Each structure stands twice: as structure tokens, then as C-alpha cells.
Amino acid sequence: MSSKREGIAKIENYEPLDPKGDAVWMPVPHACTSVLDMCYDVEAALSAWGVMPVYNEMFKQIMHPDDPKVGKFKLPSGWSVPYRGRLEWSLRDQNKRERVRIYYEPGPYDYIVRSHLRIPFDIQTRISKNSVPPKKWWMEVSHLGQVVYKSDVIRPFTKKVRKARKKMSESQFSVQVFLPTLHKLEAPLEEAAKTFLKKSFPDFPTDPNAYW
């Protein structure tokens, strides 16, 4: 059966910035980054930044005629929407800092419309550079290039796990052991990021401008 989605209005040649350069067509952002679930209030944040919905009637936002999932927002002076590649755009402030990440895929099979408020945290899986095995694996969360948390070492595993590994295929080991271990680290990584924000920007997220 074909997975092609019929009858969905979408912008075939999506261009976020309008011709005047003072407004942007984008989905209403979700209240989190795409990396960490660092939620804060979308409406409060956009209003505090001066990114305001445009209305054609009282309390009714102007929607794009070719895609009702996309609305029009007025931009503050100096803000821009550069293309990042791979069908992603950045809504950036006058200091070139990314406030919102926009993704728009209008293809006939993959129709994806989303945007996220951004906090520039990054999660990376690290591998030691030892020339002699076993190499050590761990995870780091960083903020603008500064490491704020390192996980416990997730490799090498215990002797019991290494013994079981010999009886598994690579895919079995990955699904049954390695990936579940990674998932267990997500909660402490998120907690470390929240602790960092609370310590460094105590008025955030109540005041969205306290961070930016």
C-alpha cells in the first residue's frame, strides 16, 4: 500500500522570510529543543522576544494560503532566517543566536512541519582514544561548547555483560544491552542541563529574556 499522503495542503517551495523581510512564515514552535526536553512557555517566550503573531481578524492568526499549519509572525529588527541545509532553517536574533529551529519537509511521502524553541545544549557520545582495547565510552552534555556534565563510563561493561556479549550477534547486543544503557543516561543528562540553567540563569524560564 502506498504511504503517499494525498490532499494535504503544503508549500511546495517553502520560503520562511516574506519578501519585505520583516515577517516569517513558520509552524507555531514546540516548547522544547530537539535535543533536551528543556520546556518553557512558547507564547511567553515569543512575546518577550517581540516575535508576534500577525492577525487578520481579532485573535485569528494569518495562516499561509498553501499550508494551514504555518502561521505568520512579525520579526524584531535585525532578526533573520538563514537556511541551515537539509530542509532546516534558523530563526536568529540580531546577535546571530538561534532562537527557533524550523524544519519543513513538503515531500509527497514525508510531510513534516515542525519548529522548536532552542537552548544550545549538545549531547555527544564520546569514545576514548586508547590505542589498546577496550575503549571507554561515555556521554557528555555541553552548552555552547562548554562541557557541563559527563556520564559514567558505559564501556567496558562488567565481566558478566562481556561474557554474555560473546553469545550475541552485534545487533542483539546493541538492542538488548548497549542502547538500553544509553537510554538510562538520558535522565541524568537532562537533569544536569536543568541544574546548569538554574544556577547560571536563575530567572529562566520564568523570564525568557533572562537566558538570552
C-alpha atoms as a PDB file:
ATOM      1  CA  MET A   1       0.000   0.000   0.000  1.00  0.00           C
ATOM      2  CA  SER A   2       1.323   3.434  -0.883  1.00  0.00           C
ATOM      3  CA  SER A   3       2.180   5.719   2.019  1.00  0.00           C
ATOM      4  CA  LYS A   4       1.769   8.819  -0.113  1.00  0.00           C
ATOM      5  CA  ARG A   5      -0.328  11.393   1.679  1.00  0.00           C
ATOM      6  CA  GLU A   6      -2.996  12.896  -0.513  1.00  0.00           C
ATOM      7  CA  GLY A   7      -4.957  16.092  -0.052  1.00  0.00           C
ATOM      8  CA  ILE A   8      -2.597  17.837   2.386  1.00  0.00           C
ATOM      9  CA  ALA A   9      -2.031  21.498   1.614  1.00  0.00           C
ATOM     10  CA  LYS A  10       1.689  22.231   1.730  1.00  0.00           C
ATOM     11  CA  ILE A  11       4.085  24.860   0.488  1.00  0.00           C
ATOM     12  CA  GLU A  12       5.994  23.291  -2.396  1.00  0.00           C
ATOM     13  CA  ASN A  13       8.698  25.963  -2.384  1.00  0.00           C
ATOM     14  CA  TYR A  14       8.818  26.947   1.270  1.00  0.00           C
ATOM     15  CA  GLU A  15      10.482  30.287   1.978  1.00  0.00           C
ATOM     16  CA  PRO A  16      10.154  31.339   5.649  1.00  0.00           C
ATOM     17  CA  LEU A  17      11.025  35.020   5.209  1.00  0.00           C
ATOM     18  CA  ASP A  18       8.416  37.120   3.440  1.00  0.00           C
ATOM     19  CA  PRO A  19       9.515  39.473   0.623  1.00  0.00           C
ATOM     20  CA  LYS A  20       9.616  42.522   2.916  1.00  0.00           C
ATOM     21  CA  GLY A  21      11.948  40.713   5.304  1.00  0.00           C
ATOM     22  CA  ASP A  22      10.043  41.767   8.422  1.00  0.00           C
ATOM     23  CA  ALA A  23       7.915  38.654   8.978  1.00  0.00           C
ATOM     24  CA  VAL A  24       8.359  34.890   8.910  1.00  0.00           C
ATOM     25  CA  TRP A  25       6.055  32.013   7.951  1.00  0.00           C
ATOM     26  CA  MET A  26       6.625  29.156  10.400  1.00  0.00           C
ATOM     27  CA  PRO A  27       4.832  26.491  12.428  1.00  0.00           C
ATOM     28  CA  VAL A  28       3.987  27.508  15.969  1.00  0.00           C
ATOM     29  CA  PRO A  29       7.094  26.301  17.852  1.00  0.00           C
ATOM     30  CA  HIS A  30       7.036  23.444  20.344  1.00  0.00           C
ATOM     31  CA  ALA A  31       8.171  24.204  23.877  1.00  0.00           C
ATOM     32  CA  CYS A  32      11.421  22.281  23.805  1.00  0.00           C
ATOM     33  CA  THR A  33      14.670  21.783  21.967  1.00  0.00           C
ATOM     34  CA  SER A  34      15.165  18.839  19.669  1.00  0.00           C
ATOM     35  CA  VAL A  35      17.948  17.505  21.912  1.00  0.00           C
ATOM     36  CA  LEU A  36      16.836  18.027  25.505  1.00  0.00           C
ATOM     37  CA  ASP A  37      13.346  18.356  26.908  1.00  0.00           C
ATOM     38  CA  MET A  38      14.017  21.824  28.315  1.00  0.00           C
ATOM     39  CA  CYS A  39      10.453  23.087  28.236  1.00  0.00           C
ATOM     40  CA  TYR A  40       9.395  26.680  28.587  1.00  0.00           C
ATOM     41  CA  ASP A  41       6.314  28.602  27.589  1.00  0.00           C
ATOM     42  CA  VAL A  42       6.150  29.280  23.853  1.00  0.00           C
ATOM     43  CA  GLU A  43       3.761  32.227  23.935  1.00  0.00           C
ATOM     44  CA  ALA A  44       5.614  33.919  26.799  1.00  0.00           C
ATOM     45  CA  ALA A  45       8.963  33.446  25.068  1.00  0.00           C
ATOM     46  CA  LEU A  46       7.862  34.733  21.660  1.00  0.00           C
ATOM     47  CA  SER A  47       6.121  37.729  23.241  1.00  0.00           C
ATOM     48  CA  ALA A  48       9.181  38.546  25.365  1.00  0.00           C
ATOM     49  CA  TRP A  49      11.382  38.420  22.266  1.00  0.00           C
ATOM     50  CA  GLY A  50       8.999  40.533  20.206  1.00  0.00           C
ATOM     51  CA  VAL A  51       8.154  37.732  17.746  1.00  0.00           C
ATOM     52  CA  MET A  52       4.433  38.420  17.460  1.00  0.00           C
ATOM     53  CA  PRO A  53       1.727  36.534  15.539  1.00  0.00           C
ATOM     54  CA  VAL A  54       0.072  38.534  12.754  1.00  0.00           C
ATOM     55  CA  TYR A  55      -3.727  38.616  12.820  1.00  0.00           C
ATOM     56  CA  ASN A  56      -6.225  39.324  10.053  1.00  0.00           C
ATOM     57  CA  GLU A  57      -9.163  39.209  12.463  1.00  0.00           C
ATOM     58  CA  MET A  58      -9.399  39.641  16.197  1.00  0.00           C
ATOM     59  CA  PHE A  59      -7.493  36.703  17.780  1.00  0.00           C
ATOM     60  CA  LYS A  60      -7.196  34.873  14.453  1.00  0.00           C
ATOM     61  CA  GLN A  61      -3.700  34.345  13.158  1.00  0.00           C
ATOM     62  CA  ILE A  62      -2.941  34.712   9.457  1.00  0.00           C
ATOM     63  CA  MET A  63      -2.238  31.238   8.085  1.00  0.00           C
ATOM     64  CA  HIS A  64      -0.315  30.559   4.892  1.00  0.00           C
ATOM     65  CA  PRO A  65      -2.753  30.012   1.986  1.00  0.00           C
ATOM     66  CA  ASP A  66      -0.818  26.906   0.862  1.00  0.00           C
ATOM     67  CA  ASP A  67      -0.429  25.325   4.303  1.00  0.00           C
ATOM     68  CA  PRO A  68      -2.745  25.995   7.264  1.00  0.00           C
ATOM     69  CA  LYS A  69      -0.159  24.556   9.675  1.00  0.00           C
ATOM     70  CA  VAL A  70       2.109  27.529   9.059  1.00  0.00           C
ATOM     71  CA  GLY A  71       1.425  30.957  10.594  1.00  0.00           C
ATOM     72  CA  LYS A  72       2.840  34.436  10.053  1.00  0.00           C
ATOM     73  CA  PHE A  73       4.949  36.106  12.758  1.00  0.00           C
ATOM     74  CA  LYS A  74       6.290  39.652  12.868  1.00  0.00           C
ATOM     75  CA  LEU A  75      10.064  39.792  13.421  1.00  0.00           C
ATOM     76  CA  PRO A  76      12.039  42.252  15.546  1.00  0.00           C
ATOM     77  CA  SER A  77      14.513  44.475  13.726  1.00  0.00           C
ATOM     78  CA  GLY A  78      17.717  42.696  12.756  1.00  0.00           C
ATOM     79  CA  TRP A  79      16.350  39.150  13.022  1.00  0.00           C
ATOM     80  CA  SER A  80      16.966  36.731  10.152  1.00  0.00           C
ATOM     81  CA  VAL A  81      16.026  33.239   8.920  1.00  0.00           C
ATOM     82  CA  PRO A  82      19.115  31.652   7.325  1.00  0.00           C
ATOM     83  CA  TYR A  83      18.946  28.219   5.722  1.00  0.00           C
ATOM     84  CA  ARG A  84      20.875  25.516   7.596  1.00  0.00           C
ATOM     85  CA  GLY A  85      20.601  22.800   4.952  1.00  0.00           C
ATOM     86  CA  ARG A  86      18.638  19.533   4.966  1.00  0.00           C
ATOM     87  CA  LEU A  87      15.314  21.395   4.935  1.00  0.00           C
ATOM     88  CA  GLU A  88      16.106  23.265   8.182  1.00  0.00           C
ATOM     89  CA  TRP A  89      16.106  26.987   8.904  1.00  0.00           C
ATOM     90  CA  SER A  90      17.169  29.029  11.919  1.00  0.00           C
ATOM     91  CA  LEU A  91      15.271  31.953  13.359  1.00  0.00           C
ATOM     92  CA  ARG A  92      18.176  34.091  14.627  1.00  0.00           C
ATOM     93  CA  ASP A  93      18.239  37.280  16.637  1.00  0.00           C
ATOM     94  CA  GLN A  94      20.234  40.429  15.911  1.00  0.00           C
ATOM     95  CA  ASN A  95      23.305  38.810  17.514  1.00  0.00           C
ATOM     96  CA  LYS A  96      23.027  35.735  15.238  1.00  0.00           C
ATOM     97  CA  ARG A  97      21.947  33.473  18.119  1.00  0.00           C
ATOM     98  CA  GLU A  98      19.488  30.738  17.153  1.00  0.00           C
ATOM     99  CA  ARG A  99      16.174  31.157  18.980  1.00  0.00           C
ATOM    100  CA  VAL A 100      13.994  28.779  16.907  1.00  0.00           C
ATOM    101  CA  ARG A 101      14.835  25.803  14.670  1.00  0.00           C
ATOM    102  CA  ILE A 102      12.408  25.275  11.754  1.00  0.00           C
ATOM    103  CA  TYR A 103      12.013  22.076   9.728  1.00  0.00           C
ATOM    104  CA  TYR A 104       9.753  21.851   6.687  1.00  0.00           C
ATOM    105  CA  GLU A 105       9.536  18.718   4.517  1.00  0.00           C
ATOM    106  CA  PRO A 106       6.832  19.068   1.828  1.00  0.00           C
ATOM    107  CA  GLY A 107       7.587  15.809   0.011  1.00  0.00           C
ATOM    108  CA  PRO A 108       4.755  13.557  -1.202  1.00  0.00           C
ATOM    109  CA  TYR A 109       5.641  10.785   1.267  1.00  0.00           C
ATOM    110  CA  ASP A 110       7.301  12.630   4.155  1.00  0.00           C
ATOM    111  CA  TYR A 111       5.249  15.664   5.109  1.00  0.00           C
ATOM    112  CA  ILE A 112       6.842  17.038   8.285  1.00  0.00           C
ATOM    113  CA  VAL A 113       6.243  20.521   9.673  1.00  0.00           C
ATOM    114  CA  ARG A 114       7.813  21.440  12.990  1.00  0.00           C
ATOM    115  CA  SER A 115       9.796  24.052  14.873  1.00  0.00           C
ATOM    116  CA  HIS A 116      11.367  24.172  18.316  1.00  0.00           C
ATOM    117  CA  LEU A 117      12.458  26.837  20.749  1.00  0.00           C
ATOM    118  CA  ARG A 118      16.191  26.350  21.130  1.00  0.00           C
ATOM    119  CA  ILE A 119      18.636  26.183  24.008  1.00  0.00           C
ATOM    120  CA  PRO A 120      22.101  25.391  22.629  1.00  0.00           C
ATOM    121  CA  PHE A 121      22.821  22.207  24.569  1.00  0.00           C
ATOM    122  CA  ASP A 122      24.546  19.369  22.790  1.00  0.00           C
ATOM    123  CA  ILE A 123      24.704  15.686  23.718  1.00  0.00           C
ATOM    124  CA  GLN A 124      27.597  13.634  22.378  1.00  0.00           C
ATOM    125  CA  THR A 125      28.719  10.043  22.816  1.00  0.00           C
ATOM    126  CA  ARG A 126      32.469  10.065  23.439  1.00  0.00           C
ATOM    127  CA  ILE A 127      34.988   7.284  22.814  1.00  0.00           C
ATOM    128  CA  SER A 128      38.456   7.236  24.349  1.00  0.00           C
ATOM    129  CA  LYS A 129      41.430   7.402  22.002  1.00  0.00           C
ATOM    130  CA  ASN A 130      43.233   4.474  23.548  1.00  0.00           C
ATOM    131  CA  SER A 131      45.229   2.500  21.005  1.00  0.00           C
ATOM    132  CA  VAL A 132      44.759  -0.657  23.046  1.00  0.00           C
ATOM    133  CA  PRO A 133      41.206  -2.048  23.573  1.00  0.00           C
ATOM    134  CA  PRO A 134      38.877  -1.962  25.357  1.00  0.00           C
ATOM    135  CA  LYS A 135      37.991   1.622  24.572  1.00  0.00           C
ATOM    136  CA  LYS A 136      35.899   3.577  27.082  1.00  0.00           C
ATOM    137  CA  TRP A 137      32.554   5.091  26.145  1.00  0.00           C
ATOM    138  CA  TRP A 138      30.720   7.856  27.973  1.00  0.00           C
ATOM    139  CA  MET A 139      28.299  10.709  27.236  1.00  0.00           C
ATOM    140  CA  GLU A 140      28.701  14.445  27.651  1.00  0.00           C
ATOM    141  CA  VAL A 141      26.280  17.344  27.676  1.00  0.00           C
ATOM    142  CA  SER A 142      27.758  20.695  26.711  1.00  0.00           C
ATOM    143  CA  HIS A 143      26.447  24.246  26.471  1.00  0.00           C
ATOM    144  CA  LEU A 144      27.936  26.419  23.749  1.00  0.00           C
ATOM    145  CA  GLY A 145      30.988  24.184  23.698  1.00  0.00           C
ATOM    146  CA  GLN A 146      31.468  24.076  27.486  1.00  0.00           C
ATOM    147  CA  VAL A 147      31.101  20.590  28.991  1.00  0.00           C
ATOM    148  CA  VAL A 148      28.693  20.771  31.921  1.00  0.00           C
ATOM    149  CA  TYR A 149      28.293  17.052  32.646  1.00  0.00           C
ATOM    150  CA  LYS A 150      29.975  13.717  31.899  1.00  0.00           C
ATOM    151  CA  SER A 151      28.191  10.402  32.396  1.00  0.00           C
ATOM    152  CA  ASP A 152      29.673   7.319  33.996  1.00  0.00           C
ATOM    153  CA  VAL A 153      31.691   5.134  31.658  1.00  0.00           C
ATOM    154  CA  ILE A 154      29.325   2.866  29.726  1.00  0.00           C
ATOM    155  CA  ARG A 155      32.062   0.694  28.244  1.00  0.00           C
ATOM    156  CA  PRO A 156      33.832  -1.550  29.097  1.00  0.00           C
ATOM    157  CA  PHE A 157      30.906  -3.386  30.668  1.00  0.00           C
ATOM    158  CA  THR A 158      31.058  -5.707  33.652  1.00  0.00           C
ATOM    159  CA  LYS A 159      32.592  -9.168  33.307  1.00  0.00           C
ATOM    160  CA  LYS A 160      29.085 -10.703  33.316  1.00  0.00           C
ATOM    161  CA  VAL A 161      27.944  -8.479  30.435  1.00  0.00           C
ATOM    162  CA  ARG A 162      31.130  -9.116  28.449  1.00  0.00           C
ATOM    163  CA  LYS A 163      30.597 -12.858  28.854  1.00  0.00           C
ATOM    164  CA  ALA A 164      27.002 -12.583  27.592  1.00  0.00           C
ATOM    165  CA  ARG A 165      28.242 -10.446  24.702  1.00  0.00           C
ATOM    166  CA  LYS A 166      30.126 -13.414  23.241  1.00  0.00           C
ATOM    167  CA  LYS A 167      26.841 -15.280  22.779  1.00  0.00           C
ATOM    168  CA  MET A 168      25.083 -12.408  20.972  1.00  0.00           C
ATOM    169  CA  SER A 169      25.192 -11.003  17.491  1.00  0.00           C
ATOM    170  CA  GLU A 170      26.160  -7.362  17.091  1.00  0.00           C
ATOM    171  CA  SER A 171      22.531  -6.322  16.552  1.00  0.00           C
ATOM    172  CA  GLN A 172      21.312  -8.319  19.577  1.00  0.00           C
ATOM    173  CA  PHE A 173      23.932  -6.739  21.794  1.00  0.00           C
ATOM    174  CA  SER A 174      23.076  -3.278  20.534  1.00  0.00           C
ATOM    175  CA  VAL A 175      19.314  -3.671  21.065  1.00  0.00           C
ATOM    176  CA  GLN A 176      19.388  -5.637  24.333  1.00  0.00           C
ATOM    177  CA  VAL A 177      22.374  -4.106  26.128  1.00  0.00           C
ATOM    178  CA  PHE A 178      24.010  -1.052  24.630  1.00  0.00           C
ATOM    179  CA  LEU A 179      21.019   1.094  23.621  1.00  0.00           C
ATOM    180  CA  PRO A 180      19.120   0.487  26.920  1.00  0.00           C
ATOM    181  CA  THR A 181      22.273   1.586  28.736  1.00  0.00           C
ATOM    182  CA  LEU A 182      22.343   4.797  26.710  1.00  0.00           C
ATOM    183  CA  HIS A 183      18.654   5.446  27.424  1.00  0.00           C
ATOM    184  CA  LYS A 184      19.284   5.159  31.173  1.00  0.00           C
ATOM    185  CA  LEU A 185      21.708   8.065  30.886  1.00  0.00           C
ATOM    186  CA  GLU A 186      19.172  10.452  29.341  1.00  0.00           C
ATOM    187  CA  ALA A 187      17.536  11.401  32.655  1.00  0.00           C
ATOM    188  CA  PRO A 188      20.784  12.436  34.416  1.00  0.00           C
ATOM    189  CA  LEU A 189      21.905  14.304  31.291  1.00  0.00           C
ATOM    190  CA  GLU A 190      18.664  16.306  31.230  1.00  0.00           C
ATOM    191  CA  GLU A 191      18.858  16.903  34.988  1.00  0.00           C
ATOM    192  CA  ALA A 192      22.433  18.172  34.660  1.00  0.00           C
ATOM    193  CA  ALA A 193      21.358  20.588  31.918  1.00  0.00           C
ATOM    194  CA  LYS A 194      18.463  21.899  34.040  1.00  0.00           C
ATOM    195  CA  THR A 195      20.763  22.312  37.054  1.00  0.00           C
ATOM    196  CA  PHE A 196      23.217  24.269  34.920  1.00  0.00           C
ATOM    197  CA  LEU A 197      20.463  26.580  33.655  1.00  0.00           C
ATOM    198  CA  LYS A 198      19.040  27.109  37.151  1.00  0.00           C
ATOM    199  CA  LYS A 199      22.451  28.004  38.540  1.00  0.00           C
ATOM    200  CA  SER A 200      23.605  30.178  35.632  1.00  0.00           C
ATOM    201  CA  PHE A 201      20.266  31.829  34.768  1.00  0.00           C
ATOM    202  CA  PRO A 202      18.114  31.700  37.944  1.00  0.00           C
ATOM    203  CA  ASP A 203      15.263  33.773  36.454  1.00  0.00           C
ATOM    204  CA  PHE A 204      14.873  31.433  33.470  1.00  0.00           C
ATOM    205  CA  PRO A 205      12.436  30.079  32.275  1.00  0.00           C
ATOM    206  CA  THR A 206      10.018  32.413  34.103  1.00  0.00           C
ATOM    207  CA  ASP A 207      11.669  35.274  32.224  1.00  0.00           C
ATOM    208  CA  PRO A 208      12.700  34.008  28.758  1.00  0.00           C
ATOM    209  CA  ASN A 209      14.977  37.022  28.280  1.00  0.00           C
ATOM    210  CA  ALA A 210      16.940  36.103  31.396  1.00  0.00           C
ATOM    211  CA  TYR A 211      18.714  33.456  29.333  1.00  0.00           C
ATOM    212  CA  TRP A 212      19.127  35.331  26.070  1.00  0.00           C
END
